[in-house]
Amino acid sequence: MVQRGVQPADAREVVHRLAKYEDYFLESLLLPFKTQQIMPPEDELHATGPYVAEAFTMFLSVLLVG
C-alpha cells in the first residue's frame, strides 16, 4: 500500500482493521499483488516478434506432423 502512495501510518491502520475480516482481506489486498507478479513486464506484453515466430513454428509443425 505504501508503494501505491498511502502513508505508512494509514496503511498500518487499514491493514490492522481489514485483518479482522480474513476473507475480504485476502481478496482485496493479497490477490492483486499475486496476480501482478504473474503478469510479464509491460514491454514483453507489447513485443510480438517472438510470439509470431513461435506461432509460425507451431503451424509448420502441425502441417508436417498432421
N, C-alpha and C. Protein backbone atom coordinates (compact mmCIF):
# COMPACT_ATOMS: atom_id res chain seq x y z
N MET A 1 0.82 -1.18 0.00
CA MET A 1 0.00 0.00 0.00
C MET A 1 0.87 1.25 0.00
N VAL A 2 1.98 1.18 0.69
CA VAL A 2 2.88 2.33 0.74
C VAL A 2 3.42 2.63 -0.65
N GLN A 3 3.70 1.59 -1.43
CA GLN A 3 4.19 1.78 -2.79
C GLN A 3 3.13 2.41 -3.67
N ARG A 4 1.88 2.28 -3.29
CA ARG A 4 0.78 2.88 -4.06
C ARG A 4 0.48 4.29 -3.61
N GLY A 5 1.21 4.83 -2.63
CA GLY A 5 1.05 6.22 -2.23
C GLY A 5 0.35 6.43 -0.90
N VAL A 6 0.03 5.38 -0.17
CA VAL A 6 -0.62 5.51 1.13
C VAL A 6 0.45 5.74 2.19
N GLN A 7 0.18 6.66 3.10
CA GLN A 7 1.13 6.94 4.17
C GLN A 7 1.31 5.68 5.04
N PRO A 8 2.52 5.42 5.55
CA PRO A 8 2.77 4.21 6.34
C PRO A 8 1.83 4.04 7.53
N ALA A 9 1.56 5.11 8.25
CA ALA A 9 0.67 5.00 9.42
C ALA A 9 -0.74 4.63 8.98
N ASP A 10 -1.22 5.23 7.89
CA ASP A 10 -2.56 4.90 7.39
C ASP A 10 -2.60 3.47 6.86
N ALA A 11 -1.55 3.03 6.22
CA ALA A 11 -1.50 1.66 5.70
C ALA A 11 -1.57 0.65 6.83
N ARG A 12 -0.85 0.91 7.91
CA ARG A 12 -0.90 0.01 9.06
C ARG A 12 -2.31 -0.05 9.65
N GLU A 13 -2.95 1.10 9.74
CA GLU A 13 -4.31 1.15 10.29
C GLU A 13 -5.29 0.39 9.40
N VAL A 14 -5.19 0.56 8.11
CA VAL A 14 -6.09 -0.15 7.19
C VAL A 14 -5.87 -1.65 7.28
N VAL A 15 -4.62 -2.06 7.25
CA VAL A 15 -4.33 -3.49 7.31
C VAL A 15 -4.78 -4.08 8.64
N HIS A 16 -4.57 -3.36 9.71
CA HIS A 16 -4.99 -3.85 11.03
C HIS A 16 -6.51 -4.03 11.08
N ARG A 17 -7.26 -3.09 10.55
CA ARG A 17 -8.72 -3.19 10.59
C ARG A 17 -9.23 -4.27 9.64
N LEU A 18 -8.66 -4.37 8.46
CA LEU A 18 -9.12 -5.36 7.49
C LEU A 18 -8.71 -6.78 7.88
N ALA A 19 -7.69 -6.92 8.68
CA ALA A 19 -7.24 -8.24 9.10
C ALA A 19 -8.29 -8.95 9.96
N LYS A 20 -9.22 -8.20 10.53
CA LYS A 20 -10.31 -8.81 11.29
C LYS A 20 -11.21 -9.65 10.38
N TYR A 21 -11.30 -9.25 9.11
CA TYR A 21 -12.17 -9.92 8.14
C TYR A 21 -11.28 -10.65 7.15
N GLU A 22 -10.89 -11.86 7.51
CA GLU A 22 -9.84 -12.60 6.80
C GLU A 22 -10.15 -12.79 5.31
N ASP A 23 -11.36 -13.20 4.98
CA ASP A 23 -11.69 -13.46 3.58
C ASP A 23 -11.58 -12.19 2.73
N TYR A 24 -12.16 -11.11 3.22
CA TYR A 24 -12.09 -9.85 2.48
C TYR A 24 -10.66 -9.35 2.39
N PHE A 25 -9.93 -9.50 3.46
CA PHE A 25 -8.54 -9.05 3.48
C PHE A 25 -7.72 -9.76 2.41
N LEU A 26 -7.88 -11.07 2.33
CA LEU A 26 -7.12 -11.83 1.34
C LEU A 26 -7.52 -11.45 -0.08
N GLU A 27 -8.80 -11.29 -0.31
CA GLU A 27 -9.26 -10.96 -1.65
C GLU A 27 -8.87 -9.55 -2.07
N SER A 28 -8.95 -8.60 -1.18
CA SER A 28 -8.73 -7.21 -1.57
C SER A 28 -7.27 -6.78 -1.58
N LEU A 29 -6.45 -7.35 -0.72
CA LEU A 29 -5.08 -6.88 -0.62
C LEU A 29 -4.05 -7.84 -1.20
N LEU A 30 -4.19 -9.11 -0.92
CA LEU A 30 -3.12 -10.03 -1.30
C LEU A 30 -3.27 -10.56 -2.73
N LEU A 31 -4.47 -10.83 -3.18
CA LEU A 31 -4.64 -11.39 -4.51
C LEU A 31 -4.19 -10.44 -5.63
N PRO A 32 -4.46 -9.15 -5.55
CA PRO A 32 -3.93 -8.27 -6.61
C PRO A 32 -2.40 -8.29 -6.70
N PHE A 33 -1.72 -8.42 -5.57
CA PHE A 33 -0.26 -8.48 -5.60
C PHE A 33 0.21 -9.76 -6.26
N LYS A 34 -0.47 -10.87 -5.98
CA LYS A 34 -0.07 -12.14 -6.59
C LYS A 34 -0.29 -12.12 -8.09
N THR A 35 -1.38 -11.54 -8.54
CA THR A 35 -1.64 -11.51 -9.98
C THR A 35 -0.68 -10.57 -10.69
N GLN A 36 -0.23 -9.53 -10.02
CA GLN A 36 0.75 -8.64 -10.63
C GLN A 36 2.08 -9.36 -10.83
N GLN A 37 2.42 -10.27 -9.94
CA GLN A 37 3.68 -10.99 -10.07
C GLN A 37 3.62 -12.01 -11.20
N ILE A 38 2.44 -12.50 -11.53
CA ILE A 38 2.30 -13.48 -12.59
C ILE A 38 2.43 -12.83 -13.97
N MET A 39 1.95 -11.63 -14.09
CA MET A 39 1.96 -10.95 -15.39
C MET A 39 3.39 -10.63 -15.82
N PRO A 40 3.70 -10.79 -17.11
CA PRO A 40 5.03 -10.42 -17.59
C PRO A 40 5.20 -8.90 -17.57
N PRO A 41 6.42 -8.43 -17.67
CA PRO A 41 6.66 -6.99 -17.70
C PRO A 41 5.94 -6.34 -18.89
N GLU A 42 5.64 -5.07 -18.75
CA GLU A 42 4.85 -4.34 -19.75
C GLU A 42 5.49 -4.37 -21.13
N ASP A 43 6.82 -4.27 -21.21
CA ASP A 43 7.46 -4.26 -22.53
C ASP A 43 7.34 -5.62 -23.21
N GLU A 44 7.28 -6.70 -22.45
CA GLU A 44 7.10 -8.02 -23.05
C GLU A 44 5.68 -8.21 -23.58
N LEU A 45 4.72 -7.53 -22.98
CA LEU A 45 3.35 -7.65 -23.46
C LEU A 45 3.20 -7.06 -24.86
N HIS A 46 3.97 -6.04 -25.16
CA HIS A 46 3.85 -5.36 -26.45
C HIS A 46 4.80 -5.92 -27.51
N ALA A 47 5.70 -6.79 -27.14
CA ALA A 47 6.64 -7.39 -28.09
C ALA A 47 5.95 -8.58 -28.77
N THR A 48 5.71 -8.48 -30.07
CA THR A 48 5.01 -9.55 -30.78
C THR A 48 5.95 -10.40 -31.61
N GLY A 49 7.17 -9.96 -31.84
CA GLY A 49 8.10 -10.69 -32.68
C GLY A 49 8.32 -12.13 -32.24
N PRO A 50 8.69 -12.40 -31.00
CA PRO A 50 8.91 -13.78 -30.58
C PRO A 50 7.64 -14.63 -30.67
N TYR A 51 6.50 -14.04 -30.39
CA TYR A 51 5.26 -14.80 -30.43
C TYR A 51 4.86 -15.17 -31.85
N VAL A 52 5.12 -14.29 -32.80
CA VAL A 52 4.81 -14.59 -34.19
C VAL A 52 5.71 -15.72 -34.68
N ALA A 53 6.98 -15.68 -34.31
CA ALA A 53 7.90 -16.75 -34.71
C ALA A 53 7.49 -18.08 -34.09
N GLU A 54 7.09 -18.08 -32.84
CA GLU A 54 6.64 -19.32 -32.20
C GLU A 54 5.36 -19.84 -32.84
N ALA A 55 4.45 -18.95 -33.17
CA ALA A 55 3.20 -19.37 -33.80
C ALA A 55 3.47 -19.96 -35.18
N PHE A 56 4.35 -19.35 -35.94
CA PHE A 56 4.68 -19.86 -37.27
C PHE A 56 5.36 -21.23 -37.17
N THR A 57 6.24 -21.39 -36.20
CA THR A 57 6.90 -22.68 -35.99
C THR A 57 5.88 -23.75 -35.60
N MET A 58 4.94 -23.41 -34.75
CA MET A 58 3.90 -24.35 -34.37
C MET A 58 3.03 -24.72 -35.57
N PHE A 59 2.70 -23.75 -36.39
CA PHE A 59 1.90 -24.00 -37.59
C PHE A 59 2.62 -24.97 -38.52
N LEU A 60 3.91 -24.74 -38.76
CA LEU A 60 4.68 -25.65 -39.63
C LEU A 60 4.77 -27.04 -39.02
N SER A 61 4.91 -27.13 -37.72
CA SER A 61 4.97 -28.43 -37.05
C SER A 61 3.66 -29.22 -37.23
N VAL A 62 2.56 -28.53 -37.10
CA VAL A 62 1.27 -29.17 -37.28
C VAL A 62 1.10 -29.64 -38.72
N LEU A 63 1.55 -28.84 -39.67
CA LEU A 63 1.46 -29.24 -41.07
C LEU A 63 2.31 -30.47 -41.35
N LEU A 64 3.50 -30.52 -40.82
CA LEU A 64 4.38 -31.64 -41.08
C LEU A 64 3.91 -32.92 -40.39
N VAL A 65 3.48 -32.81 -39.15
CA VAL A 65 3.10 -34.00 -38.39
C VAL A 65 1.68 -34.43 -38.74
N GLY A 66 0.80 -33.48 -38.87
CA GLY A 66 -0.60 -33.80 -39.09
C GLY A 66 -0.89 -34.02 -40.51
